[in-house]
C-alpha atoms as a PDB file:
ATOM      1  CA  MET A   1      75.681 237.898 154.250  1.00  0.00           C
ATOM      2  CA  TYR A   2      76.492 241.294 155.707  1.00  0.00           C
ATOM      3  CA  CYS A   3      79.459 242.578 157.706  1.00  0.00           C
ATOM      4  CA  VAL A   4      78.742 242.813 161.454  1.00  0.00           C
ATOM      5  CA  LYS A   5      80.778 246.032 161.734  1.00  0.00           C
ATOM      6  CA  CYS A   6      80.104 248.156 158.631  1.00  0.00           C
ATOM      7  CA  GLY A   7      76.914 246.447 157.345  1.00  0.00           C
ATOM      8  CA  LYS A   8      78.103 246.043 153.735  1.00  0.00           C
ATOM      9  CA  GLU A   9      77.380 242.881 151.805  1.00  0.00           C
ATOM     10  CA  ILE A  10      80.246 240.333 151.814  1.00  0.00           C
ATOM     11  CA  GLY A  11      80.667 236.825 150.459  1.00  0.00           C
ATOM     12  CA  ASP A  12      79.374 233.898 152.521  1.00  0.00           C
ATOM     13  CA  ASN A  13      82.849 232.342 152.787  1.00  0.00           C
ATOM     14  CA  SER A  14      84.744 235.567 153.484  1.00  0.00           C
ATOM     15  CA  GLU A  15      86.668 235.399 156.739  1.00  0.00           C
ATOM     16  CA  PHE A  16      87.167 239.186 156.774  1.00  0.00           C
ATOM     17  CA  CYS A  17      85.189 242.114 155.423  1.00  0.00           C
ATOM     18  CA  PRO A  18      86.947 243.477 152.304  1.00  0.00           C
ATOM     19  CA  TYR A  19      85.750 247.010 153.169  1.00  0.00           C
ATOM     20  CA  CYS A  20      86.553 247.462 156.874  1.00  0.00           C
ATOM     21  CA  GLY A  21      88.641 244.367 157.694  1.00  0.00           C
ATOM     22  CA  ALA A  22      86.349 243.090 160.437  1.00  0.00           C
ATOM     23  CA  GLU A  23      86.402 239.339 161.102  1.00  0.00           C
ATOM     24  CA  ASN A  24      83.346 237.383 159.970  1.00  0.00           C
ATOM     25  CA  PRO A  25      82.421 234.984 162.831  1.00  0.00           C
ATOM     26  CA  ASP A  26      79.983 233.035 160.622  1.00  0.00           C
ATOM     27  CA  ALA A  27      82.743 232.112 158.158  1.00  0.00           C
ATOM     28  CA  LYS A  28      84.878 230.764 161.014  1.00  0.00           C
ATOM     29  CA  LYS A  29      81.928 228.658 162.217  1.00  0.00           C
ATOM     30  CA  GLN A  30      81.370 227.318 158.702  1.00  0.00           C
ATOM     31  CA  LYS A  31      85.073 226.542 158.367  1.00  0.00           C
ATOM     32  CA  ASP A  32      85.093 224.711 161.714  1.00  0.00           C
ATOM     33  CA  GLN A  33      81.952 222.775 160.780  1.00  0.00           C
ATOM     34  CA  ALA A  34      83.487 221.740 157.463  1.00  0.00           C
ATOM     35  CA  ALA A  35      86.686 220.650 159.222  1.00  0.00           C
ATOM     36  CA  ASP A  36      84.665 218.600 161.733  1.00  0.00           C
ATOM     37  CA  TYR A  37      82.656 217.022 158.925  1.00  0.00           C
ATOM     38  CA  TYR A  38      85.753 215.974 156.991  1.00  0.00           C
ATOM     39  CA  LYS A  39      87.390 214.685 160.160  1.00  0.00           C
ATOM     40  CA  GLN A  40      84.341 212.515 160.896  1.00  0.00           C
ATOM     41  CA  MET A  41      84.289 211.230 157.322  1.00  0.00           C
ATOM     42  CA  TYR A  42      87.995 210.390 157.494  1.00  0.00           C
ATOM     43  CA  GLU A  43      87.563 208.554 160.783  1.00  0.00           C
ATOM     44  CA  ARG A  44      84.538 206.664 159.459  1.00  0.00           C
ATOM     45  CA  GLU A  45      86.391 205.549 156.323  1.00  0.00           C
ATOM     46  CA  ASN A  46      89.536 204.542 158.204  1.00  0.00           C
ATOM     47  CA  ARG A  47      88.018 202.274 160.814  1.00  0.00           C
ATOM     48  CA  PRO A  48      89.786 198.923 161.221  1.00  0.00           C
ATOM     49  CA  GLU A  49      86.722 196.994 160.030  1.00  0.00           C
ATOM     50  CA  ASN A  50      86.872 198.837 156.686  1.00  0.00           C
ATOM     51  CA  TYR A  51      90.388 197.639 155.885  1.00  0.00           C
ATOM     52  CA  HIS A  52      90.813 194.930 153.291  1.00  0.00           C
ATOM     53  CA  HIS A  53      92.446 191.995 154.983  1.00  0.00           C
ATOM     54  CA  PRO A  54      94.993 190.130 152.881  1.00  0.00           C
ATOM     55  CA  GLN A  55      94.231 186.593 151.883  1.00  0.00           C
ATOM     56  CA  THR A  56      95.189 184.151 154.624  1.00  0.00           C
ATOM     57  CA  LYS A  57      97.080 180.954 153.935  1.00  0.00           C
ATOM     58  CA  SER A  58      94.084 178.767 154.793  1.00  0.00           C
ATOM     59  CA  GLU A  59      91.965 180.615 152.207  1.00  0.00           C
ATOM     60  CA  GLY A  60      94.721 180.546 149.604  1.00  0.00           C
ATOM     61  CA  MET A  61      95.552 176.868 149.927  1.00  0.00           C
ATOM     62  CA  VAL A  62      92.305 175.393 148.598  1.00  0.00           C
ATOM     63  CA  ILE A  63      93.357 174.935 144.965  1.00  0.00           C
ATOM     64  CA  PRO A  64      96.951 173.826 145.755  1.00  0.00           C
ATOM     65  CA  LEU A  65      95.587 171.327 148.289  1.00  0.00           C
ATOM     66  CA  LEU A  66      93.132 169.966 145.710  1.00  0.00           C
ATOM     67  CA  ALA A  67      95.999 169.694 143.213  1.00  0.00           C
ATOM     68  CA  LEU A  68      98.004 167.678 145.708  1.00  0.00           C
ATOM     69  CA  ILE A  69      95.118 165.375 146.687  1.00  0.00           C
ATOM     70  CA  PHE A  70      93.945 164.688 143.143  1.00  0.00           C
ATOM     71  CA  GLY A  71      97.541 164.386 141.950  1.00  0.00           C
ATOM     72  CA  LEU A  72      98.203 161.671 144.538  1.00  0.00           C
ATOM     73  CA  LEU A  73      94.958 159.927 143.633  1.00  0.00           C
ATOM     74  CA  GLY A  74      95.960 160.002 139.988  1.00  0.00           C
ATOM     75  CA  GLY A  75      93.077 162.017 138.636  1.00  0.00           C
ATOM     76  CA  TRP A  76      93.313 164.512 135.833  1.00  0.00           C
ATOM     77  CA  LEU A  77      91.949 167.078 138.256  1.00  0.00           C
ATOM     78  CA  GLY A  78      95.360 167.035 139.953  1.00  0.00           C
ATOM     79  CA  LEU A  79      96.902 168.370 136.757  1.00  0.00           C
ATOM     80  CA  VAL A  80      94.089 170.886 136.220  1.00  0.00           C
ATOM     81  CA  PHE A  81      94.144 172.261 139.774  1.00  0.00           C
ATOM     82  CA  GLY A  82      97.944 172.324 139.704  1.00  0.00           C
ATOM     83  CA  ILE A  83      98.036 174.463 136.568  1.00  0.00           C
ATOM     84  CA  ILE A  84      95.296 176.777 137.857  1.00  0.00           C
ATOM     85  CA  GLY A  85      97.085 177.121 141.188  1.00  0.00           C
ATOM     86  CA  LEU A  86     100.412 177.945 139.533  1.00  0.00           C
ATOM     87  CA  ALA A  87      98.742 180.688 137.519  1.00  0.00           C
ATOM     88  CA  LYS A  88      96.687 182.112 140.388  1.00  0.00           C
ATOM     89  CA  TYR A  89      98.956 182.104 143.450  1.00  0.00           C
ATOM     90  CA  LYS A  90     102.218 183.922 144.048  1.00  0.00           C
ATOM     91  CA  GLU A  91     103.155 182.498 147.465  1.00  0.00           C
ATOM     92  CA  LYS A  92     106.032 180.064 147.306  1.00  0.00           C
ATOM     93  CA  SER A  93     104.334 177.470 149.527  1.00  0.00           C
ATOM     94  CA  ASN A  94     101.261 177.380 147.286  1.00  0.00           C
ATOM     95  CA  LYS A  95     103.348 177.086 144.114  1.00  0.00           C
ATOM     96  CA  ILE A  96     105.359 174.217 145.633  1.00  0.00           C
ATOM     97  CA  MET A  97     102.163 172.390 146.580  1.00  0.00           C
ATOM     98  CA  CYS A  98     100.830 172.782 143.016  1.00  0.00           C
ATOM     99  CA  ILE A  99     104.101 171.519 141.536  1.00  0.00           C
ATOM    100  CA  VAL A 100     104.073 168.515 143.884  1.00  0.00           C
ATOM    101  CA  GLY A 101     100.470 167.803 142.842  1.00  0.00           C
ATOM    102  CA  ILE A 102     101.407 167.930 139.149  1.00  0.00           C
ATOM    103  CA  ALA A 103     104.492 165.777 139.762  1.00  0.00           C
ATOM    104  CA  ALA A 104     102.442 163.234 141.723  1.00  0.00           C
ATOM    105  CA  TRP A 105      99.968 163.080 138.850  1.00  0.00           C
ATOM    106  CA  ALA A 106     102.814 162.570 136.345  1.00  0.00           C
ATOM    107  CA  ILE A 107     104.344 159.770 138.439  1.00  0.00           C
ATOM    108  CA  TRP A 108     100.946 158.143 138.798  1.00  0.00           C
ATOM    109  CA  LEU A 109     100.453 158.360 135.021  1.00  0.00           C
ATOM    110  CA  VAL A 110     103.822 156.680 134.342  1.00  0.00           C
ATOM    111  CA  ILE A 111     103.070 153.879 136.820  1.00  0.00           C
ATOM    112  CA  TYR A 112      99.562 153.405 135.407  1.00  0.00           C
ATOM    113  CA  THR A 113     100.876 153.252 131.826  1.00  0.00           C
ATOM    114  CA  TYR A 114     103.632 150.796 132.802  1.00  0.00           C
ATOM    115  CA  MET A 115     101.205 148.539 134.672  1.00  0.00           C
ATOM    116  CA  ARG A 116      98.709 148.628 131.828  1.00  0.00           C
ATOM    117  CA  ASN A 117     101.289 147.712 129.155  1.00  0.00           C
ATOM    118  CA  PHE A 118     103.610 145.373 131.061  1.00  0.00           C
ATOM    119  CA  GLY A 119     101.683 144.211 134.108  1.00  0.00           C
END
């Protein structure tokens, strides 16, 4: 690239000629184009549809709900889902549901054992 005023060779990204001090209009255009490009990229990346949505309660309640159901039915799956749910979820409501499922399974096991031995 050459200076528009003095004609000497200057760098492509130089905003001013180092020899005569004249402004380089092409560098300003390149700078503006780069700024527009990065602005478009930023806007494209930060659209609402690109955001990661946090897990909703209905999605996060599958395992605790299974723990509760199987715990009440007396299956070993109540214990398994309860333990998995306690390890996986951090929300208090999910942990409580897993604990209730495990407790229901334990109560069912005691009643089943009592009925089998004494009933």
